[in-house]
Amino acid sequence: MALKSPQIPILFFVSALTFVAGDLPVIPPTTSVDNSTAFIRSSCGATRYPELCFSSLIHYADTVRSDPVLLAWLAVNITLGRVRSVSSHISSLRQATTSGDSREFAALRDCAETLADAAQLAKKSASEIGRLAKAETSPEVGWWVSNAQTWLSAVLTNEDTCTDGFSPVGASTLKADVCRRVGSAKKYTSNALALVNKLVSSR
């Protein structure tokens, strides 16, 4: 079954700087915000962190309407922003850390590299769902969804790899900070993957 292309107001892209899909034309609203809110709530029920899912997406209710592709696209882009933010923070910590526990430094170095890769994977996932969002019909639809699933799963793996690397490191403020931030980003990644997975069952 073909997936209908969602339409996104141009203004949305001006304020959402981490979003990567191209501009799409504007169309008049067709679904009430109340219906869209209910749709988001219901869709988030399939995620591991439904309240976080809902609170992060409800701000876009008037844009989402009841489109599962657009909802997934937004969730992936929100994840991209989170992963980029954490990656930037950890890179800054790595540059500022020049002495101390060698195991902690090694874990921080590896985590910075792993999360930089995760940010690229999240960006690729967002681009792939963006292609899906603009495709009226295409034999590539299944491939695009599969790619996004694979790359988001890899983002989760990279996030786990980062925190696992701190397992042999003793308790410290730096370790707690990194694990907390990465753990938070992982929740967004998990939710985004769940919403992308739902695209398969909705087709």
N, C-alpha and C. Protein backbone atom coordinates (compact mmCIF):
# COMPACT_ATOMS: atom_id res chain seq x y z
N MET A 1 0.84 -1.20 0.00
CA MET A 1 0.00 0.00 0.00
C MET A 1 0.88 1.24 0.00
N ALA A 2 0.54 2.22 -0.82
CA ALA A 2 1.34 3.43 -0.90
C ALA A 2 1.15 4.27 0.35
N LEU A 3 2.20 4.95 0.77
CA LEU A 3 2.12 5.84 1.92
C LEU A 3 1.94 7.25 1.42
N LYS A 4 0.92 7.93 1.93
CA LYS A 4 0.60 9.28 1.48
C LYS A 4 1.60 10.27 2.03
N SER A 5 1.99 11.22 1.21
CA SER A 5 2.99 12.20 1.61
C SER A 5 2.41 13.22 2.57
N PRO A 6 3.04 13.41 3.76
CA PRO A 6 2.60 14.47 4.66
C PRO A 6 3.09 15.81 4.17
N GLN A 7 2.39 16.88 4.51
CA GLN A 7 2.79 18.21 4.12
C GLN A 7 3.17 18.99 5.36
N ILE A 8 4.30 19.69 5.32
CA ILE A 8 4.84 20.33 6.50
C ILE A 8 5.02 21.82 6.25
N PRO A 9 4.49 22.69 7.12
CA PRO A 9 4.66 24.12 6.92
C PRO A 9 6.12 24.52 6.86
N ILE A 10 6.45 25.44 5.93
CA ILE A 10 7.82 25.88 5.75
C ILE A 10 8.36 26.49 7.04
N LEU A 11 7.52 27.21 7.79
CA LEU A 11 7.96 27.86 9.03
C LEU A 11 8.53 26.86 10.00
N PHE A 12 8.01 25.65 9.95
CA PHE A 12 8.46 24.59 10.86
C PHE A 12 9.95 24.34 10.71
N PHE A 13 10.46 24.43 9.47
CA PHE A 13 11.85 24.14 9.22
C PHE A 13 12.76 25.26 9.69
N VAL A 14 12.22 26.47 9.78
CA VAL A 14 13.03 27.60 10.23
C VAL A 14 13.38 27.44 11.70
N SER A 15 12.41 26.96 12.49
CA SER A 15 12.64 26.83 13.93
C SER A 15 13.28 25.51 14.30
N ALA A 16 13.16 24.50 13.48
CA ALA A 16 13.68 23.16 13.81
C ALA A 16 15.02 22.96 13.11
N LEU A 17 16.07 23.49 13.68
CA LEU A 17 17.35 23.54 13.00
C LEU A 17 18.01 22.19 12.84
N THR A 18 17.64 21.21 13.66
CA THR A 18 18.28 19.90 13.55
C THR A 18 17.59 19.01 12.53
N PHE A 19 16.47 19.45 11.97
CA PHE A 19 15.74 18.61 11.04
C PHE A 19 16.43 18.62 9.68
N VAL A 20 16.35 17.50 8.99
CA VAL A 20 17.17 17.35 7.80
C VAL A 20 16.38 17.15 6.52
N ALA A 21 15.09 16.85 6.59
CA ALA A 21 14.33 16.66 5.36
C ALA A 21 14.08 18.00 4.71
N GLY A 22 13.83 18.00 3.40
CA GLY A 22 13.64 19.25 2.67
C GLY A 22 12.28 19.86 2.90
N ASP A 23 12.12 21.09 2.44
CA ASP A 23 10.85 21.80 2.60
C ASP A 23 9.76 21.11 1.80
N LEU A 24 8.58 21.05 2.38
CA LEU A 24 7.43 20.48 1.71
C LEU A 24 6.34 21.55 1.65
N PRO A 25 5.46 21.52 0.66
CA PRO A 25 4.45 22.56 0.51
C PRO A 25 3.43 22.57 1.62
N VAL A 26 2.80 23.71 1.82
CA VAL A 26 1.81 23.89 2.87
C VAL A 26 0.43 23.51 2.35
N ILE A 27 -0.35 22.83 3.19
CA ILE A 27 -1.75 22.56 2.85
C ILE A 27 -2.60 22.95 4.06
N PRO A 28 -3.90 23.22 3.86
CA PRO A 28 -4.75 23.59 4.98
C PRO A 28 -4.90 22.43 5.96
N PRO A 29 -5.10 22.73 7.25
CA PRO A 29 -5.30 21.67 8.23
C PRO A 29 -6.51 20.82 7.87
N THR A 30 -6.39 19.52 8.08
CA THR A 30 -7.50 18.62 7.78
C THR A 30 -7.96 17.84 9.00
N THR A 31 -7.20 17.92 10.08
CA THR A 31 -7.52 17.17 11.29
C THR A 31 -7.41 18.10 12.49
N SER A 32 -8.35 18.02 13.41
CA SER A 32 -8.31 18.90 14.57
C SER A 32 -7.13 18.55 15.46
N VAL A 33 -6.67 19.54 16.24
CA VAL A 33 -5.57 19.32 17.16
C VAL A 33 -5.95 18.26 18.18
N ASP A 34 -7.22 18.24 18.60
CA ASP A 34 -7.66 17.22 19.57
C ASP A 34 -7.47 15.82 19.01
N ASN A 35 -7.84 15.64 17.74
CA ASN A 35 -7.66 14.33 17.12
C ASN A 35 -6.19 13.98 16.99
N SER A 36 -5.37 14.98 16.65
CA SER A 36 -3.95 14.76 16.53
C SER A 36 -3.33 14.40 17.87
N THR A 37 -3.78 15.07 18.93
CA THR A 37 -3.29 14.77 20.28
C THR A 37 -3.61 13.33 20.65
N ALA A 38 -4.82 12.90 20.34
CA ALA A 38 -5.21 11.51 20.63
C ALA A 38 -4.38 10.53 19.81
N PHE A 39 -4.08 10.91 18.57
CA PHE A 39 -3.26 10.06 17.70
C PHE A 39 -1.85 9.91 18.27
N ILE A 40 -1.28 11.02 18.71
CA ILE A 40 0.07 10.98 19.28
C ILE A 40 0.09 10.13 20.55
N ARG A 41 -0.91 10.33 21.41
CA ARG A 41 -1.00 9.56 22.65
C ARG A 41 -1.10 8.06 22.35
N SER A 42 -1.94 7.72 21.40
CA SER A 42 -2.11 6.31 21.05
C SER A 42 -0.84 5.72 20.45
N SER A 43 -0.20 6.46 19.55
CA SER A 43 1.03 5.98 18.91
C SER A 43 2.15 5.80 19.93
N CYS A 44 2.24 6.72 20.87
CA CYS A 44 3.29 6.64 21.89
C CYS A 44 3.07 5.47 22.84
N GLY A 45 1.86 4.96 22.87
CA GLY A 45 1.58 3.80 23.71
C GLY A 45 2.36 2.58 23.30
N ALA A 46 2.88 2.57 22.07
CA ALA A 46 3.65 1.43 21.58
C ALA A 46 5.14 1.56 21.89
N THR A 47 5.52 2.65 22.53
CA THR A 47 6.94 2.88 22.84
C THR A 47 7.28 2.42 24.26
N ARG A 48 8.55 2.34 24.56
CA ARG A 48 9.00 1.91 25.90
C ARG A 48 8.84 3.04 26.92
N TYR A 49 8.87 4.27 26.44
CA TYR A 49 8.76 5.44 27.33
C TYR A 49 7.63 6.34 26.81
N PRO A 50 6.40 5.91 26.98
CA PRO A 50 5.26 6.61 26.38
C PRO A 50 5.08 8.05 26.83
N GLU A 51 5.31 8.34 28.10
CA GLU A 51 5.13 9.71 28.57
C GLU A 51 6.17 10.65 27.98
N LEU A 52 7.40 10.18 27.90
CA LEU A 52 8.45 10.97 27.26
C LEU A 52 8.14 11.18 25.79
N CYS A 53 7.69 10.13 25.15
CA CYS A 53 7.30 10.20 23.74
C CYS A 53 6.23 11.27 23.53
N PHE A 54 5.21 11.21 24.35
CA PHE A 54 4.09 12.15 24.20
C PHE A 54 4.53 13.58 24.47
N SER A 55 5.27 13.79 25.54
CA SER A 55 5.67 15.15 25.90
C SER A 55 6.62 15.77 24.87
N SER A 56 7.40 14.94 24.19
CA SER A 56 8.34 15.46 23.20
C SER A 56 7.69 15.74 21.85
N LEU A 57 6.54 15.12 21.60
CA LEU A 57 5.89 15.26 20.30
C LEU A 57 4.61 16.09 20.32
N ILE A 58 4.01 16.29 21.48
CA ILE A 58 2.72 16.97 21.56
C ILE A 58 2.80 18.41 21.04
N HIS A 59 3.99 19.01 21.14
CA HIS A 59 4.16 20.39 20.66
C HIS A 59 3.93 20.50 19.15
N TYR A 60 3.99 19.38 18.46
CA TYR A 60 3.83 19.38 17.00
C TYR A 60 2.49 18.81 16.56
N ALA A 61 1.52 18.81 17.48
CA ALA A 61 0.22 18.21 17.19
C ALA A 61 -0.46 18.84 15.97
N ASP A 62 -0.34 20.17 15.83
CA ASP A 62 -1.01 20.82 14.71
C ASP A 62 -0.31 20.53 13.39
N THR A 63 0.91 20.03 13.45
CA THR A 63 1.65 19.66 12.25
C THR A 63 1.49 18.18 11.93
N VAL A 64 1.52 17.36 12.97
CA VAL A 64 1.44 15.90 12.80
C VAL A 64 0.10 15.46 12.24
N ARG A 65 -1.00 16.08 12.74
CA ARG A 65 -2.35 15.61 12.43
C ARG A 65 -2.45 14.13 12.78
N SER A 66 -2.66 13.25 11.83
CA SER A 66 -2.74 11.82 12.16
C SER A 66 -1.87 11.01 11.20
N ASP A 67 -0.71 11.53 10.92
CA ASP A 67 0.18 10.91 9.94
C ASP A 67 1.30 10.14 10.63
N PRO A 68 1.31 8.82 10.55
CA PRO A 68 2.35 8.03 11.23
C PRO A 68 3.75 8.25 10.67
N VAL A 69 3.85 8.55 9.38
CA VAL A 69 5.16 8.79 8.79
C VAL A 69 5.75 10.09 9.33
N LEU A 70 4.93 11.12 9.36
CA LEU A 70 5.40 12.41 9.87
C LEU A 70 5.74 12.31 11.36
N LEU A 71 4.95 11.56 12.10
CA LEU A 71 5.22 11.38 13.53
C LEU A 71 6.58 10.71 13.73
N ALA A 72 6.84 9.66 12.96
CA ALA A 72 8.12 8.97 13.06
C ALA A 72 9.26 9.88 12.64
N TRP A 73 9.04 10.65 11.59
CA TRP A 73 10.06 11.59 11.11
C TRP A 73 10.44 12.60 12.19
N LEU A 74 9.42 13.14 12.85
CA LEU A 74 9.67 14.09 13.94
C LEU A 74 10.44 13.42 15.08
N ALA A 75 10.03 12.22 15.45
CA ALA A 75 10.68 11.52 16.56
C ALA A 75 12.15 11.25 16.25
N VAL A 76 12.44 10.88 15.02
CA VAL A 76 13.83 10.61 14.64
C VAL A 76 14.64 11.90 14.67
N ASN A 77 14.05 12.99 14.22
CA ASN A 77 14.76 14.26 14.24
C ASN A 77 15.01 14.77 15.66
N ILE A 78 14.05 14.55 16.54
CA ILE A 78 14.24 14.91 17.95
C ILE A 78 15.39 14.08 18.53
N THR A 79 15.42 12.80 18.19
CA THR A 79 16.52 11.94 18.62
C THR A 79 17.85 12.45 18.09
N LEU A 80 17.86 12.83 16.83
CA LEU A 80 19.08 13.37 16.22
C LEU A 80 19.59 14.57 17.02
N GLY A 81 18.70 15.46 17.38
CA GLY A 81 19.10 16.62 18.16
C GLY A 81 19.68 16.24 19.51
N ARG A 82 19.06 15.25 20.17
CA ARG A 82 19.55 14.80 21.47
C ARG A 82 20.93 14.15 21.36
N VAL A 83 21.08 13.29 20.38
CA VAL A 83 22.36 12.59 20.22
C VAL A 83 23.46 13.57 19.86
N ARG A 84 23.16 14.53 19.01
CA ARG A 84 24.15 15.54 18.65
C ARG A 84 24.58 16.35 19.88
N SER A 85 23.60 16.71 20.69
CA SER A 85 23.89 17.50 21.88
C SER A 85 24.81 16.74 22.85
N VAL A 86 24.47 15.48 23.09
CA VAL A 86 25.29 14.67 24.00
C VAL A 86 26.67 14.44 23.41
N SER A 87 26.73 14.17 22.11
CA SER A 87 28.00 13.95 21.45
C SER A 87 28.90 15.18 21.57
N SER A 88 28.33 16.35 21.38
CA SER A 88 29.09 17.59 21.50
C SER A 88 29.60 17.80 22.92
N HIS A 89 28.73 17.51 23.89
CA HIS A 89 29.12 17.67 25.30
C HIS A 89 30.28 16.74 25.66
N ILE A 90 30.19 15.50 25.23
CA ILE A 90 31.22 14.52 25.57
C ILE A 90 32.52 14.84 24.84
N SER A 91 32.43 15.34 23.63
CA SER A 91 33.63 15.76 22.91
C SER A 91 34.34 16.90 23.65
N SER A 92 33.54 17.80 24.19
CA SER A 92 34.11 18.91 24.97
C SER A 92 34.79 18.39 26.24
N LEU A 93 34.16 17.43 26.89
CA LEU A 93 34.76 16.83 28.08
C LEU A 93 36.08 16.15 27.74
N ARG A 94 36.09 15.47 26.63
CA ARG A 94 37.30 14.76 26.21
C ARG A 94 38.45 15.74 25.98
N GLN A 95 38.16 16.85 25.34
CA GLN A 95 39.20 17.84 25.07
C GLN A 95 39.71 18.49 26.35
N ALA A 96 38.81 18.61 27.33
CA ALA A 96 39.19 19.27 28.59
C ALA A 96 39.86 18.34 29.58
N THR A 97 39.75 17.02 29.35
CA THR A 97 40.30 16.03 30.27
C THR A 97 41.68 15.60 29.78
N THR A 98 42.70 16.00 30.49
CA THR A 98 44.07 15.69 30.08
C THR A 98 44.83 14.86 31.10
N SER A 99 44.24 14.66 32.27
CA SER A 99 44.91 13.87 33.31
C SER A 99 43.87 13.17 34.17
N GLY A 100 44.33 12.30 35.07
CA GLY A 100 43.42 11.58 35.95
C GLY A 100 43.42 10.10 35.65
N ASP A 101 42.32 9.45 35.96
CA ASP A 101 42.18 8.00 35.78
C ASP A 101 42.31 7.65 34.30
N SER A 102 43.29 6.82 33.97
CA SER A 102 43.51 6.45 32.57
C SER A 102 42.34 5.66 32.01
N ARG A 103 41.68 4.86 32.85
CA ARG A 103 40.53 4.10 32.39
C ARG A 103 39.37 5.03 32.07
N GLU A 104 39.20 6.06 32.89
CA GLU A 104 38.14 7.04 32.64
C GLU A 104 38.42 7.80 31.35
N PHE A 105 39.66 8.19 31.14
CA PHE A 105 40.01 8.92 29.92
C PHE A 105 39.78 8.05 28.69
N ALA A 106 40.16 6.77 28.77
CA ALA A 106 39.97 5.86 27.64
C ALA A 106 38.48 5.67 27.34
N ALA A 107 37.67 5.52 28.40
CA ALA A 107 36.23 5.36 28.23
C ALA A 107 35.62 6.61 27.61
N LEU A 108 36.10 7.76 28.03
CA LEU A 108 35.59 9.03 27.50
C LEU A 108 35.97 9.19 26.03
N ARG A 109 37.20 8.84 25.71
CA ARG A 109 37.66 8.91 24.32
C ARG A 109 36.83 8.00 23.42
N ASP A 110 36.64 6.76 23.86
CA ASP A 110 35.87 5.81 23.06
C ASP A 110 34.42 6.24 22.94
N CYS A 111 33.87 6.78 24.02
CA CYS A 111 32.48 7.22 24.00
C CYS A 111 32.30 8.38 23.03
N ALA A 112 33.24 9.31 23.02
CA ALA A 112 33.16 10.45 22.10
C ALA A 112 33.13 9.99 20.66
N GLU A 113 33.97 9.02 20.34
CA GLU A 113 34.02 8.49 18.98
C GLU A 113 32.74 7.73 18.63
N THR A 114 32.28 6.93 19.60
CA THR A 114 31.07 6.13 19.37
C THR A 114 29.84 6.99 19.18
N LEU A 115 29.72 8.04 19.97
CA LEU A 115 28.55 8.91 19.84
C LEU A 115 28.62 9.81 18.61
N ALA A 116 29.82 10.15 18.17
CA ALA A 116 29.94 10.89 16.91
C ALA A 116 29.40 10.03 15.77
N ASP A 117 29.72 8.74 15.80
CA ASP A 117 29.18 7.81 14.81
C ASP A 117 27.66 7.69 14.95
N ALA A 118 27.19 7.66 16.19
CA ALA A 118 25.75 7.54 16.44
C ALA A 118 25.00 8.74 15.87
N ALA A 119 25.58 9.92 15.99
CA ALA A 119 24.94 11.12 15.45
C ALA A 119 24.81 11.03 13.94
N GLN A 120 25.84 10.49 13.29
CA GLN A 120 25.77 10.33 11.83
C GLN A 120 24.71 9.30 11.44
N LEU A 121 24.61 8.24 12.21
CA LEU A 121 23.60 7.21 11.94
C LEU A 121 22.19 7.77 12.14
N ALA A 122 22.01 8.58 13.17
CA ALA A 122 20.70 9.20 13.41
C ALA A 122 20.34 10.15 12.28
N LYS A 123 21.33 10.88 11.79
CA LYS A 123 21.10 11.79 10.67
C LYS A 123 20.68 11.02 9.42
N LYS A 124 21.34 9.90 9.16
CA LYS A 124 20.98 9.07 8.01
C LYS A 124 19.56 8.53 8.15
N SER A 125 19.19 8.15 9.36
CA SER A 125 17.84 7.65 9.60
C SER A 125 16.81 8.74 9.34
N ALA A 126 17.08 9.95 9.83
CA ALA A 126 16.16 11.06 9.62
C ALA A 126 16.01 11.36 8.14
N SER A 127 17.11 11.33 7.41
CA SER A 127 17.06 11.58 5.96
C SER A 127 16.23 10.52 5.25
N GLU A 128 16.36 9.28 5.69
CA GLU A 128 15.64 8.19 5.04
C GLU A 128 14.14 8.31 5.28
N ILE A 129 13.74 8.63 6.51
CA ILE A 129 12.31 8.83 6.77
C ILE A 129 11.82 10.08 6.06
N GLY A 130 12.69 11.08 5.90
CA GLY A 130 12.32 12.27 5.14
C GLY A 130 12.02 11.93 3.69
N ARG A 131 12.76 11.02 3.11
CA ARG A 131 12.49 10.56 1.74
C ARG A 131 11.13 9.87 1.69
N LEU A 132 10.88 9.06 2.69
CA LEU A 132 9.61 8.35 2.77
C LEU A 132 8.45 9.33 2.89
N ALA A 133 8.66 10.40 3.68
CA ALA A 133 7.60 11.38 3.91
C ALA A 133 7.20 12.11 2.64
N LYS A 134 8.13 12.23 1.69
CA LYS A 134 7.84 12.98 0.47
C LYS A 134 7.48 12.10 -0.70
N ALA A 135 7.42 10.80 -0.49
CA ALA A 135 7.15 9.87 -1.59
C ALA A 135 5.68 9.51 -1.65
N GLU A 136 5.03 9.89 -2.72
CA GLU A 136 3.63 9.48 -2.90
C GLU A 136 3.56 7.97 -3.02
N THR A 137 4.31 7.43 -3.93
CA THR A 137 4.43 5.96 -4.06
C THR A 137 5.84 5.68 -4.54
N SER A 138 6.40 4.61 -4.08
CA SER A 138 7.74 4.22 -4.53
C SER A 138 8.01 2.78 -4.15
N PRO A 139 8.64 2.04 -5.06
CA PRO A 139 9.02 0.66 -4.71
C PRO A 139 10.13 0.63 -3.66
N GLU A 140 10.71 1.80 -3.36
CA GLU A 140 11.81 1.89 -2.40
C GLU A 140 11.33 2.06 -0.96
N VAL A 141 10.01 2.22 -0.76
CA VAL A 141 9.48 2.53 0.57
C VAL A 141 9.94 1.53 1.63
N GLY A 142 9.79 0.25 1.34
CA GLY A 142 10.19 -0.77 2.30
C GLY A 142 11.67 -0.71 2.61
N TRP A 143 12.46 -0.40 1.61
CA TRP A 143 13.91 -0.31 1.79
C TRP A 143 14.27 0.86 2.69
N TRP A 144 13.58 2.00 2.49
CA TRP A 144 13.85 3.19 3.31
C TRP A 144 13.54 2.93 4.79
N VAL A 145 12.40 2.29 5.04
CA VAL A 145 12.03 1.98 6.42
C VAL A 145 13.04 1.02 7.03
N SER A 146 13.43 0.01 6.27
CA SER A 146 14.40 -0.97 6.76
C SER A 146 15.73 -0.29 7.09
N ASN A 147 16.16 0.63 6.24
CA ASN A 147 17.41 1.35 6.51
C ASN A 147 17.32 2.14 7.81
N ALA A 148 16.20 2.85 7.97
CA ALA A 148 16.02 3.66 9.19
C ALA A 148 16.02 2.78 10.43
N GLN A 149 15.37 1.62 10.35
CA GLN A 149 15.35 0.68 11.47
C GLN A 149 16.77 0.21 11.81
N THR A 150 17.52 -0.16 10.79
CA THR A 150 18.87 -0.66 10.98
C THR A 150 19.76 0.40 11.63
N TRP A 151 19.68 1.62 11.13
CA TRP A 151 20.56 2.68 11.63
C TRP A 151 20.17 3.14 13.03
N LEU A 152 18.87 3.18 13.31
CA LEU A 152 18.46 3.55 14.67
C LEU A 152 18.85 2.46 15.67
N SER A 153 18.76 1.22 15.25
CA SER A 153 19.20 0.12 16.12
C SER A 153 20.70 0.26 16.41
N ALA A 154 21.45 0.69 15.40
CA ALA A 154 22.89 0.90 15.58
C ALA A 154 23.16 2.06 16.52
N VAL A 155 22.31 3.09 16.48
CA VAL A 155 22.45 4.20 17.42
C VAL A 155 22.30 3.70 18.85
N LEU A 156 21.29 2.86 19.09
CA LEU A 156 21.09 2.28 20.42
C LEU A 156 22.31 1.47 20.84
N THR A 157 22.85 0.69 19.93
CA THR A 157 24.03 -0.11 20.23
C THR A 157 25.21 0.78 20.61
N ASN A 158 25.39 1.86 19.86
CA ASN A 158 26.49 2.78 20.17
C ASN A 158 26.30 3.45 21.52
N GLU A 159 25.08 3.78 21.85
CA GLU A 159 24.81 4.39 23.16
C GLU A 159 25.13 3.41 24.28
N ASP A 160 24.75 2.15 24.08
CA ASP A 160 25.08 1.12 25.07
C ASP A 160 26.59 0.92 25.18
N THR A 161 27.26 0.93 24.04
CA THR A 161 28.71 0.75 24.03
C THR A 161 29.39 1.86 24.83
N CYS A 162 28.88 3.07 24.68
CA CYS A 162 29.45 4.20 25.42
C CYS A 162 29.35 3.98 26.93
N THR A 163 28.17 3.70 27.41
CA THR A 163 28.00 3.54 28.86
C THR A 163 28.67 2.27 29.37
N ASP A 164 28.68 1.20 28.57
CA ASP A 164 29.36 -0.03 28.98
C ASP A 164 30.86 0.21 29.17
N GLY A 165 31.40 1.13 28.40
CA GLY A 165 32.82 1.42 28.50
C GLY A 165 33.22 2.01 29.84
N PHE A 166 32.24 2.57 30.56
CA PHE A 166 32.52 3.15 31.87
C PHE A 166 32.34 2.14 33.01
N SER A 167 31.95 0.91 32.68
CA SER A 167 31.72 -0.10 33.73
C SER A 167 32.94 -0.33 34.61
N PRO A 168 34.15 -0.43 34.05
CA PRO A 168 35.32 -0.66 34.92
C PRO A 168 35.84 0.60 35.60
N VAL A 169 35.21 1.73 35.31
CA VAL A 169 35.67 3.00 35.87
C VAL A 169 34.98 3.23 37.22
N GLY A 170 35.74 3.66 38.19
CA GLY A 170 35.17 3.93 39.50
C GLY A 170 34.20 5.09 39.48
N ALA A 171 33.42 5.21 40.52
CA ALA A 171 32.43 6.29 40.61
C ALA A 171 33.11 7.65 40.53
N SER A 172 32.52 8.53 39.71
CA SER A 172 33.06 9.88 39.57
C SER A 172 31.97 10.78 39.03
N THR A 173 32.17 12.07 39.19
CA THR A 173 31.19 13.04 38.68
C THR A 173 31.11 12.95 37.16
N LEU A 174 32.25 12.79 36.52
CA LEU A 174 32.26 12.71 35.05
C LEU A 174 31.50 11.47 34.56
N LYS A 175 31.78 10.33 35.18
CA LYS A 175 31.10 9.09 34.78
C LYS A 175 29.60 9.24 34.96
N ALA A 176 29.16 9.76 36.08
CA ALA A 176 27.73 9.93 36.34
C ALA A 176 27.09 10.86 35.32
N ASP A 177 27.79 11.93 34.99
CA ASP A 177 27.26 12.90 34.03
C ASP A 177 27.10 12.28 32.65
N VAL A 178 28.13 11.59 32.18
CA VAL A 178 28.08 10.98 30.85
C VAL A 178 26.98 9.92 30.78
N CYS A 179 26.95 9.03 31.77
CA CYS A 179 25.95 7.95 31.74
C CYS A 179 24.53 8.49 31.84
N ARG A 180 24.34 9.55 32.60
CA ARG A 180 23.00 10.15 32.71
C ARG A 180 22.57 10.75 31.37
N ARG A 181 23.45 11.49 30.74
CA ARG A 181 23.11 12.14 29.47
C ARG A 181 22.88 11.12 28.35
N VAL A 182 23.75 10.12 28.29
CA VAL A 182 23.60 9.10 27.25
C VAL A 182 22.35 8.26 27.51
N GLY A 183 22.08 7.97 28.78
CA GLY A 183 20.87 7.21 29.12
C GLY A 183 19.61 7.94 28.71
N SER A 184 19.62 9.26 28.88
CA SER A 184 18.47 10.07 28.48
C SER A 184 18.30 10.04 26.96
N ALA A 185 19.38 10.22 26.23
CA ALA A 185 19.31 10.19 24.77
C ALA A 185 18.83 8.83 24.27
N LYS A 186 19.25 7.78 24.97
CA LYS A 186 18.86 6.42 24.57
C LYS A 186 17.33 6.24 24.63
N LYS A 187 16.68 6.88 25.58
CA LYS A 187 15.22 6.77 25.68
C LYS A 187 14.55 7.37 24.44
N TYR A 188 15.06 8.49 23.98
CA TYR A 188 14.51 9.10 22.77
C TYR A 188 14.76 8.21 21.55
N THR A 189 15.94 7.61 21.50
CA THR A 189 16.27 6.72 20.38
C THR A 189 15.33 5.51 20.38
N SER A 190 15.12 4.94 21.55
CA SER A 190 14.22 3.79 21.67
C SER A 190 12.82 4.13 21.19
N ASN A 191 12.32 5.28 21.60
CA ASN A 191 10.98 5.70 21.19
C ASN A 191 10.89 5.92 19.69
N ALA A 192 11.91 6.57 19.14
CA ALA A 192 11.91 6.83 17.70
C ALA A 192 11.91 5.51 16.91
N LEU A 193 12.71 4.56 17.35
CA LEU A 193 12.75 3.26 16.68
C LEU A 193 11.40 2.57 16.75
N ALA A 194 10.73 2.66 17.90
CA ALA A 194 9.41 2.03 18.03
C ALA A 194 8.41 2.64 17.06
N LEU A 195 8.47 3.95 16.86
CA LEU A 195 7.53 4.61 15.94
C LEU A 195 7.87 4.29 14.49
N VAL A 196 9.15 4.12 14.19
CA VAL A 196 9.53 3.69 12.85
C VAL A 196 9.08 2.25 12.62
N ASN A 197 9.24 1.41 13.63
CA ASN A 197 8.77 0.02 13.51
C ASN A 197 7.28 -0.06 13.22
N LYS A 198 6.52 0.88 13.79
CA LYS A 198 5.08 0.89 13.57
C LYS A 198 4.71 1.16 12.11
N LEU A 199 5.61 1.78 11.36
CA LEU A 199 5.35 2.04 9.95
C LEU A 199 5.22 0.75 9.17
N VAL A 200 5.94 -0.27 9.62
CA VAL A 200 5.88 -1.55 8.94
C VAL A 200 4.52 -2.19 9.10
N SER A 201 3.99 -2.15 10.34
CA SER A 201 2.69 -2.78 10.61
C SER A 201 1.54 -1.95 10.05
N SER A 202 1.77 -0.64 9.80
CA SER A 202 0.68 0.22 9.33
C SER A 202 0.54 0.20 7.82
N ARG A 203 1.52 -0.40 7.13
CA ARG A 203 1.46 -0.41 5.67
C ARG A 203 0.57 -1.52 5.16
